[in-house]
């Protein structure tokens, strides 16, 4: 199964929506809250190139945020990414 990391903040509706999709699909993920942690948020930005949350990585590949996750799912590409083994 793929390694999934999701950078979030507590009250972000997009974070909640992304986690709901992953939960619905039965995906195990590692949630990394960046609330009030500027160094961790800077690390997230360096890994993903994004500064908004959520930022989602599958097998250490940045896929973007909530809308990107849902688009991958709609186009049948998310399952392919999730079936790849973690590197």
N, C-alpha and C. Protein backbone atom coordinates (compact mmCIF):
# COMPACT_ATOMS: atom_id res chain seq x y z
N UNK A 1 0.83 -1.18 0.00
CA UNK A 1 0.00 0.00 0.00
C UNK A 1 0.88 1.24 0.00
N UNK A 2 0.37 2.28 -0.55
CA UNK A 2 1.12 3.54 -0.68
C UNK A 2 1.27 4.24 0.66
N UNK A 3 2.31 5.04 0.74
CA UNK A 3 2.53 5.91 1.90
C UNK A 3 1.85 7.24 1.59
N UNK A 4 0.94 7.66 2.48
CA UNK A 4 0.20 8.90 2.27
C UNK A 4 0.41 9.82 3.46
N UNK A 5 0.89 11.03 3.18
CA UNK A 5 1.05 12.07 4.19
C UNK A 5 0.14 13.22 3.81
N UNK A 6 -0.53 13.81 4.81
CA UNK A 6 -1.40 14.95 4.55
C UNK A 6 -1.12 16.02 5.61
N UNK A 7 -0.68 17.18 5.13
CA UNK A 7 -0.44 18.32 5.99
C UNK A 7 -1.74 19.09 6.14
N UNK A 8 -2.12 19.37 7.38
CA UNK A 8 -3.43 19.96 7.66
C UNK A 8 -3.35 21.06 8.71
N UNK A 9 -4.47 21.77 8.84
CA UNK A 9 -4.74 22.61 10.00
C UNK A 9 -6.08 22.18 10.56
N UNK A 10 -6.31 22.50 11.81
CA UNK A 10 -7.45 21.97 12.55
C UNK A 10 -8.81 22.29 11.96
N UNK A 11 -9.06 23.53 11.59
CA UNK A 11 -10.41 23.92 11.18
C UNK A 11 -10.56 24.14 9.68
N UNK A 12 -9.67 23.60 8.90
CA UNK A 12 -9.69 23.77 7.45
C UNK A 12 -10.73 22.84 6.83
N UNK A 13 -11.77 23.40 6.19
CA UNK A 13 -12.80 22.53 5.59
C UNK A 13 -12.26 21.68 4.44
N UNK A 14 -11.25 22.16 3.73
CA UNK A 14 -10.66 21.39 2.65
C UNK A 14 -9.87 20.20 3.20
N UNK A 15 -9.22 20.40 4.34
CA UNK A 15 -8.50 19.31 5.00
C UNK A 15 -9.49 18.22 5.42
N UNK A 16 -10.58 18.66 6.02
CA UNK A 16 -11.61 17.72 6.46
C UNK A 16 -12.16 16.94 5.28
N UNK A 17 -12.43 17.63 4.19
CA UNK A 17 -12.98 16.98 2.99
C UNK A 17 -12.00 15.97 2.39
N UNK A 18 -10.72 16.33 2.35
CA UNK A 18 -9.71 15.41 1.82
C UNK A 18 -9.60 14.17 2.70
N UNK A 19 -9.58 14.36 4.01
CA UNK A 19 -9.49 13.22 4.93
C UNK A 19 -10.74 12.35 4.83
N UNK A 20 -11.90 12.96 4.61
CA UNK A 20 -13.13 12.18 4.46
C UNK A 20 -13.04 11.25 3.25
N UNK A 21 -12.49 11.74 2.14
CA UNK A 21 -12.34 10.90 0.95
C UNK A 21 -11.37 9.75 1.24
N UNK A 22 -10.25 10.06 1.85
CA UNK A 22 -9.27 9.01 2.17
C UNK A 22 -9.88 7.99 3.12
N UNK A 23 -10.63 8.46 4.12
CA UNK A 23 -11.29 7.55 5.05
C UNK A 23 -12.31 6.67 4.32
N UNK A 24 -13.09 7.28 3.44
CA UNK A 24 -14.11 6.54 2.67
C UNK A 24 -13.47 5.43 1.84
N UNK A 25 -12.27 5.71 1.32
CA UNK A 25 -11.56 4.73 0.50
C UNK A 25 -10.77 3.73 1.34
N UNK A 26 -10.76 3.91 2.65
CA UNK A 26 -10.03 3.01 3.54
C UNK A 26 -8.53 3.18 3.48
N UNK A 27 -8.09 4.39 3.17
CA UNK A 27 -6.66 4.68 3.03
C UNK A 27 -6.08 5.06 4.39
N UNK A 28 -5.01 4.39 4.77
CA UNK A 28 -4.26 4.80 5.97
C UNK A 28 -3.37 5.96 5.58
N UNK A 29 -3.39 7.01 6.39
CA UNK A 29 -2.56 8.17 6.09
C UNK A 29 -1.97 8.72 7.38
N UNK A 30 -0.91 9.47 7.21
CA UNK A 30 -0.24 10.13 8.34
C UNK A 30 -0.59 11.60 8.27
N UNK A 31 -1.34 12.07 9.24
CA UNK A 31 -1.73 13.48 9.29
C UNK A 31 -0.66 14.28 10.02
N UNK A 32 -0.26 15.38 9.41
CA UNK A 32 0.77 16.24 9.99
C UNK A 32 0.17 17.63 10.17
N UNK A 33 -0.27 17.97 11.40
CA UNK A 33 -0.86 19.29 11.63
C UNK A 33 0.22 20.37 11.66
N UNK A 34 -0.03 21.46 10.95
CA UNK A 34 0.94 22.56 10.89
C UNK A 34 0.43 23.81 11.61
N UNK A 35 -0.65 23.67 12.38
CA UNK A 35 -1.22 24.82 13.11
C UNK A 35 -0.15 25.49 13.97
N UNK A 36 0.10 26.75 13.71
CA UNK A 36 1.00 27.54 14.55
C UNK A 36 2.45 27.07 14.56
N UNK A 37 2.84 26.25 13.63
CA UNK A 37 4.21 25.73 13.58
C UNK A 37 4.88 26.20 12.29
N UNK A 38 5.45 27.40 12.34
CA UNK A 38 6.03 28.02 11.15
C UNK A 38 7.16 27.17 10.54
N UNK A 39 8.07 26.59 11.34
CA UNK A 39 9.11 25.76 10.72
C UNK A 39 8.55 24.52 10.01
N UNK A 40 7.55 23.90 10.61
CA UNK A 40 6.95 22.72 9.97
C UNK A 40 6.21 23.11 8.69
N UNK A 41 5.53 24.26 8.73
CA UNK A 41 4.83 24.73 7.53
C UNK A 41 5.85 25.06 6.43
N UNK A 42 6.98 25.64 6.80
CA UNK A 42 8.03 25.93 5.82
C UNK A 42 8.58 24.63 5.23
N UNK A 43 8.70 23.60 6.07
CA UNK A 43 9.14 22.29 5.58
C UNK A 43 8.13 21.73 4.59
N UNK A 44 6.83 21.85 4.92
CA UNK A 44 5.77 21.42 4.01
C UNK A 44 5.89 22.13 2.67
N UNK A 45 6.12 23.43 2.71
CA UNK A 45 6.25 24.22 1.48
C UNK A 45 7.45 23.75 0.65
N UNK A 46 8.55 23.43 1.33
CA UNK A 46 9.74 22.99 0.60
C UNK A 46 9.51 21.62 -0.05
N UNK A 47 8.71 20.77 0.57
CA UNK A 47 8.43 19.45 0.01
C UNK A 47 7.43 19.50 -1.13
N UNK A 48 6.42 20.37 -0.99
CA UNK A 48 5.28 20.33 -1.90
C UNK A 48 5.21 21.48 -2.88
N UNK A 49 5.86 22.59 -2.54
CA UNK A 49 5.75 23.78 -3.36
C UNK A 49 4.48 24.56 -3.09
N UNK A 50 3.64 24.06 -2.18
CA UNK A 50 2.39 24.72 -1.84
C UNK A 50 2.42 25.29 -0.44
N UNK A 51 1.69 26.38 -0.23
CA UNK A 51 1.64 26.97 1.11
C UNK A 51 0.26 26.89 1.73
N UNK A 52 -0.73 26.45 0.96
CA UNK A 52 -2.06 26.27 1.52
C UNK A 52 -2.22 24.82 1.97
N UNK A 53 -3.19 24.60 2.83
CA UNK A 53 -3.48 23.24 3.28
C UNK A 53 -4.84 22.82 2.76
N UNK A 54 -5.03 21.53 2.57
CA UNK A 54 -4.07 20.47 2.80
C UNK A 54 -3.05 20.38 1.68
N UNK A 55 -1.92 19.81 2.00
CA UNK A 55 -0.94 19.40 1.01
C UNK A 55 -0.79 17.90 1.18
N UNK A 56 -0.93 17.17 0.09
CA UNK A 56 -0.99 15.71 0.16
C UNK A 56 0.16 15.13 -0.65
N UNK A 57 0.84 14.16 -0.05
CA UNK A 57 1.91 13.44 -0.72
C UNK A 57 1.56 11.96 -0.74
N UNK A 58 1.73 11.33 -1.89
CA UNK A 58 1.56 9.90 -2.02
C UNK A 58 2.89 9.33 -2.48
N UNK A 59 3.44 8.45 -1.66
CA UNK A 59 4.79 7.90 -1.92
C UNK A 59 5.79 9.03 -2.15
N UNK A 60 5.72 10.05 -1.29
CA UNK A 60 6.63 11.20 -1.31
C UNK A 60 6.50 12.07 -2.55
N UNK A 61 5.46 11.84 -3.34
CA UNK A 61 5.19 12.68 -4.52
C UNK A 61 4.05 13.63 -4.18
N UNK A 62 4.30 14.93 -4.29
CA UNK A 62 3.27 15.92 -4.00
C UNK A 62 2.19 15.86 -5.07
N UNK A 63 0.95 15.69 -4.63
CA UNK A 63 -0.15 15.66 -5.59
C UNK A 63 -1.02 16.90 -5.52
N UNK A 64 -0.77 17.76 -4.52
CA UNK A 64 -1.54 18.99 -4.40
C UNK A 64 -2.46 18.95 -3.20
N UNK A 65 -3.61 19.62 -3.36
CA UNK A 65 -4.54 19.76 -2.26
C UNK A 65 -5.80 18.95 -2.44
N UNK A 66 -6.85 19.38 -1.76
CA UNK A 66 -8.13 18.68 -1.75
C UNK A 66 -8.72 18.54 -3.15
N UNK A 67 -8.79 19.64 -3.89
CA UNK A 67 -9.37 19.58 -5.23
C UNK A 67 -8.58 18.65 -6.14
N UNK A 68 -7.27 18.64 -5.99
CA UNK A 68 -6.43 17.76 -6.80
C UNK A 68 -6.68 16.29 -6.44
N UNK A 69 -6.83 16.02 -5.14
CA UNK A 69 -7.12 14.66 -4.69
C UNK A 69 -8.44 14.17 -5.27
N UNK A 70 -9.47 15.01 -5.19
CA UNK A 70 -10.79 14.63 -5.71
C UNK A 70 -10.76 14.47 -7.23
N UNK A 71 -10.00 15.30 -7.92
CA UNK A 71 -9.88 15.18 -9.38
C UNK A 71 -9.22 13.85 -9.75
N UNK A 72 -8.16 13.48 -9.03
CA UNK A 72 -7.52 12.19 -9.29
C UNK A 72 -8.51 11.05 -9.09
N UNK A 73 -9.31 11.17 -8.05
CA UNK A 73 -10.31 10.13 -7.76
C UNK A 73 -11.37 10.05 -8.88
N UNK A 74 -11.86 11.21 -9.30
CA UNK A 74 -12.88 11.25 -10.37
C UNK A 74 -12.37 10.63 -11.67
N UNK A 75 -11.10 10.81 -11.95
CA UNK A 75 -10.52 10.32 -13.20
C UNK A 75 -9.92 8.92 -13.07
N UNK A 76 -10.13 8.29 -11.92
CA UNK A 76 -9.66 6.92 -11.74
C UNK A 76 -8.16 6.78 -11.53
N UNK A 77 -7.47 7.88 -11.29
CA UNK A 77 -6.02 7.83 -11.14
C UNK A 77 -5.56 7.66 -9.69
N UNK A 78 -6.44 8.01 -8.76
CA UNK A 78 -6.05 7.93 -7.35
C UNK A 78 -5.80 6.48 -6.94
N UNK A 79 -6.68 5.58 -7.32
CA UNK A 79 -6.51 4.17 -6.96
C UNK A 79 -5.19 3.62 -7.49
N UNK A 80 -4.81 4.04 -8.70
CA UNK A 80 -3.52 3.60 -9.26
C UNK A 80 -2.37 4.05 -8.39
N UNK A 81 -2.39 5.31 -7.97
CA UNK A 81 -1.33 5.83 -7.12
C UNK A 81 -1.30 5.11 -5.78
N UNK A 82 -2.48 4.82 -5.23
CA UNK A 82 -2.56 4.19 -3.92
C UNK A 82 -2.14 2.73 -3.96
N UNK A 83 -2.20 2.10 -5.10
CA UNK A 83 -1.82 0.69 -5.21
C UNK A 83 -0.32 0.50 -5.38
N UNK A 84 0.37 1.57 -5.70
CA UNK A 84 1.83 1.48 -5.85
C UNK A 84 2.44 1.32 -4.47
N UNK A 85 3.49 0.54 -4.39
CA UNK A 85 4.18 0.34 -3.13
C UNK A 85 4.94 1.60 -2.74
N UNK A 86 5.07 1.80 -1.46
CA UNK A 86 5.86 2.93 -0.97
C UNK A 86 7.31 2.71 -1.37
N UNK A 87 7.96 3.79 -1.72
CA UNK A 87 9.37 3.70 -2.16
C UNK A 87 10.29 3.57 -0.99
